[in-house]
Structure formats: structure tokens, C-alpha cells
Amino acid sequence: MFTSFIDLLYGLDSKQKIKRPPRRPHRKIEYKFDQKLFEYLKNENTN
């Protein structure tokens, strides 16, 4: 019972990961924004 529950949990998790598309069109925009935010924070810390 317990092991089957764990298998069910992990199975669900892996299925969700597979369902998710590997690339999303707005992914690059998010990355660019994160980079800008990171650079901004880096500059703020040095000042």
C-alpha cells in the first residue's frame, strides 16, 4: 500500500514534467528580465 502510494506520487510527478513543454516562447523574455534584475542588484550592492 505504502510503496504503491509512493509510486503513484512519483508517477504523477513525472507525468506532469513530461506534459510540460520543454520550451515556452516567453521563457527567453523571463531570462532576459532576470539577467537585467541580477545586474541591477549587483550594481546596487557595489554602490
N, C-alpha and C. Protein backbone atom coordinates (compact mmCIF):
# COMPACT_ATOMS: atom_id res chain seq x y z
N MET A 1 0.83 -1.20 0.00
CA MET A 1 0.00 0.00 0.00
C MET A 1 0.87 1.26 0.00
N PHE A 2 1.83 1.29 0.92
CA PHE A 2 2.67 2.48 1.06
C PHE A 2 3.55 2.68 -0.18
N THR A 3 4.15 1.56 -0.66
CA THR A 3 5.03 1.67 -1.83
C THR A 3 4.24 2.07 -3.07
N SER A 4 3.03 1.53 -3.20
CA SER A 4 2.21 1.87 -4.36
C SER A 4 1.82 3.35 -4.31
N PHE A 5 1.61 3.87 -3.12
CA PHE A 5 1.29 5.29 -2.95
C PHE A 5 2.46 6.15 -3.40
N ILE A 6 3.67 5.74 -3.01
CA ILE A 6 4.89 6.46 -3.42
C ILE A 6 5.03 6.40 -4.94
N ASP A 7 4.81 5.20 -5.51
CA ASP A 7 4.89 5.05 -6.96
C ASP A 7 3.88 5.96 -7.65
N LEU A 8 2.69 6.03 -7.08
CA LEU A 8 1.65 6.89 -7.63
C LEU A 8 2.10 8.34 -7.59
N LEU A 9 2.66 8.74 -6.46
CA LEU A 9 3.14 10.12 -6.30
C LEU A 9 4.21 10.44 -7.34
N TYR A 10 5.23 9.58 -7.41
CA TYR A 10 6.32 9.82 -8.34
C TYR A 10 5.84 9.73 -9.78
N GLY A 11 4.91 8.82 -10.04
CA GLY A 11 4.35 8.68 -11.37
C GLY A 11 3.63 9.94 -11.81
N LEU A 12 2.82 10.47 -10.91
CA LEU A 12 2.11 11.72 -11.18
C LEU A 12 3.10 12.84 -11.47
N ASP A 13 4.13 12.92 -10.63
CA ASP A 13 5.13 13.98 -10.75
C ASP A 13 5.84 13.91 -12.10
N SER A 14 6.27 12.69 -12.48
CA SER A 14 6.98 12.53 -13.74
C SER A 14 6.07 12.83 -14.94
N LYS A 15 4.79 12.42 -14.83
CA LYS A 15 3.84 12.70 -15.91
C LYS A 15 3.67 14.20 -16.11
N GLN A 16 3.58 14.94 -15.01
CA GLN A 16 3.44 16.39 -15.09
C GLN A 16 4.66 17.01 -15.77
N LYS A 17 5.84 16.50 -15.43
CA LYS A 17 7.08 17.01 -16.03
C LYS A 17 7.11 16.73 -17.53
N ILE A 18 6.63 15.55 -17.93
CA ILE A 18 6.62 15.18 -19.35
C ILE A 18 5.61 16.05 -20.11
N LYS A 19 4.45 16.28 -19.48
CA LYS A 19 3.40 17.08 -20.12
C LYS A 19 3.87 18.50 -20.41
N ARG A 20 4.68 19.04 -19.51
CA ARG A 20 5.15 20.41 -19.65
C ARG A 20 5.99 20.57 -20.92
N PRO A 21 5.71 21.56 -21.76
CA PRO A 21 6.51 21.74 -22.96
C PRO A 21 7.94 22.17 -22.61
N PRO A 22 8.94 21.62 -23.29
CA PRO A 22 10.33 21.93 -22.95
C PRO A 22 10.67 23.40 -23.17
N ARG A 23 10.04 24.02 -24.18
CA ARG A 23 10.32 25.43 -24.46
C ARG A 23 9.04 26.23 -24.50
N ARG A 24 9.06 27.38 -23.85
CA ARG A 24 7.93 28.31 -23.92
C ARG A 24 8.40 29.60 -24.56
N PRO A 25 7.58 30.23 -25.37
CA PRO A 25 8.01 31.45 -26.08
C PRO A 25 8.42 32.59 -25.16
N HIS A 26 7.79 32.69 -23.98
CA HIS A 26 8.11 33.80 -23.08
C HIS A 26 9.27 33.46 -22.14
N ARG A 27 9.87 32.29 -22.33
CA ARG A 27 10.98 31.86 -21.47
C ARG A 27 12.18 32.79 -21.64
N LYS A 28 12.51 33.13 -22.88
CA LYS A 28 13.66 33.99 -23.15
C LYS A 28 13.46 35.37 -22.55
N ILE A 29 12.24 35.87 -22.62
CA ILE A 29 11.94 37.19 -22.06
C ILE A 29 12.16 37.17 -20.55
N GLU A 30 11.67 36.10 -19.91
CA GLU A 30 11.86 35.96 -18.46
C GLU A 30 13.35 35.93 -18.12
N TYR A 31 14.12 35.19 -18.91
CA TYR A 31 15.55 35.06 -18.66
C TYR A 31 16.24 36.42 -18.80
N LYS A 32 15.88 37.16 -19.87
CA LYS A 32 16.46 38.49 -20.07
C LYS A 32 16.12 39.41 -18.91
N PHE A 33 14.87 39.33 -18.46
CA PHE A 33 14.44 40.15 -17.33
C PHE A 33 15.22 39.79 -16.06
N ASP A 34 15.36 38.49 -15.83
CA ASP A 34 16.12 38.03 -14.67
C ASP A 34 17.56 38.51 -14.73
N GLN A 35 18.14 38.48 -15.93
CA GLN A 35 19.52 38.93 -16.11
C GLN A 35 19.62 40.41 -15.78
N LYS A 36 18.68 41.21 -16.29
CA LYS A 36 18.69 42.65 -16.02
C LYS A 36 18.53 42.92 -14.53
N LEU A 37 17.62 42.19 -13.91
CA LEU A 37 17.37 42.33 -12.47
C LEU A 37 18.64 41.97 -11.69
N PHE A 38 19.29 40.89 -12.10
CA PHE A 38 20.53 40.44 -11.44
C PHE A 38 21.61 41.51 -11.57
N GLU A 39 21.78 42.05 -12.78
CA GLU A 39 22.79 43.10 -12.99
C GLU A 39 22.46 44.32 -12.15
N TYR A 40 21.17 44.67 -12.09
CA TYR A 40 20.73 45.82 -11.31
C TYR A 40 21.07 45.63 -9.83
N LEU A 41 20.73 44.44 -9.30
CA LEU A 41 21.01 44.15 -7.90
C LEU A 41 22.51 44.14 -7.63
N LYS A 42 23.27 43.63 -8.59
CA LYS A 42 24.72 43.59 -8.46
C LYS A 42 25.27 45.01 -8.36
N ASN A 43 24.75 45.89 -9.22
CA ASN A 43 25.18 47.28 -9.21
C ASN A 43 24.77 47.98 -7.91
N GLU A 44 23.58 47.66 -7.43
CA GLU A 44 23.10 48.25 -6.18
C GLU A 44 23.98 47.83 -5.01
N ASN A 45 24.43 46.58 -5.03
CA ASN A 45 25.26 46.06 -3.93
C ASN A 45 26.65 46.70 -3.94
N THR A 46 27.17 46.99 -5.13
CA THR A 46 28.51 47.58 -5.21
C THR A 46 28.48 49.04 -4.80
N ASN A 47 27.40 49.73 -5.08
CA ASN A 47 27.29 51.15 -4.71
C ASN A 47 27.08 51.34 -3.21
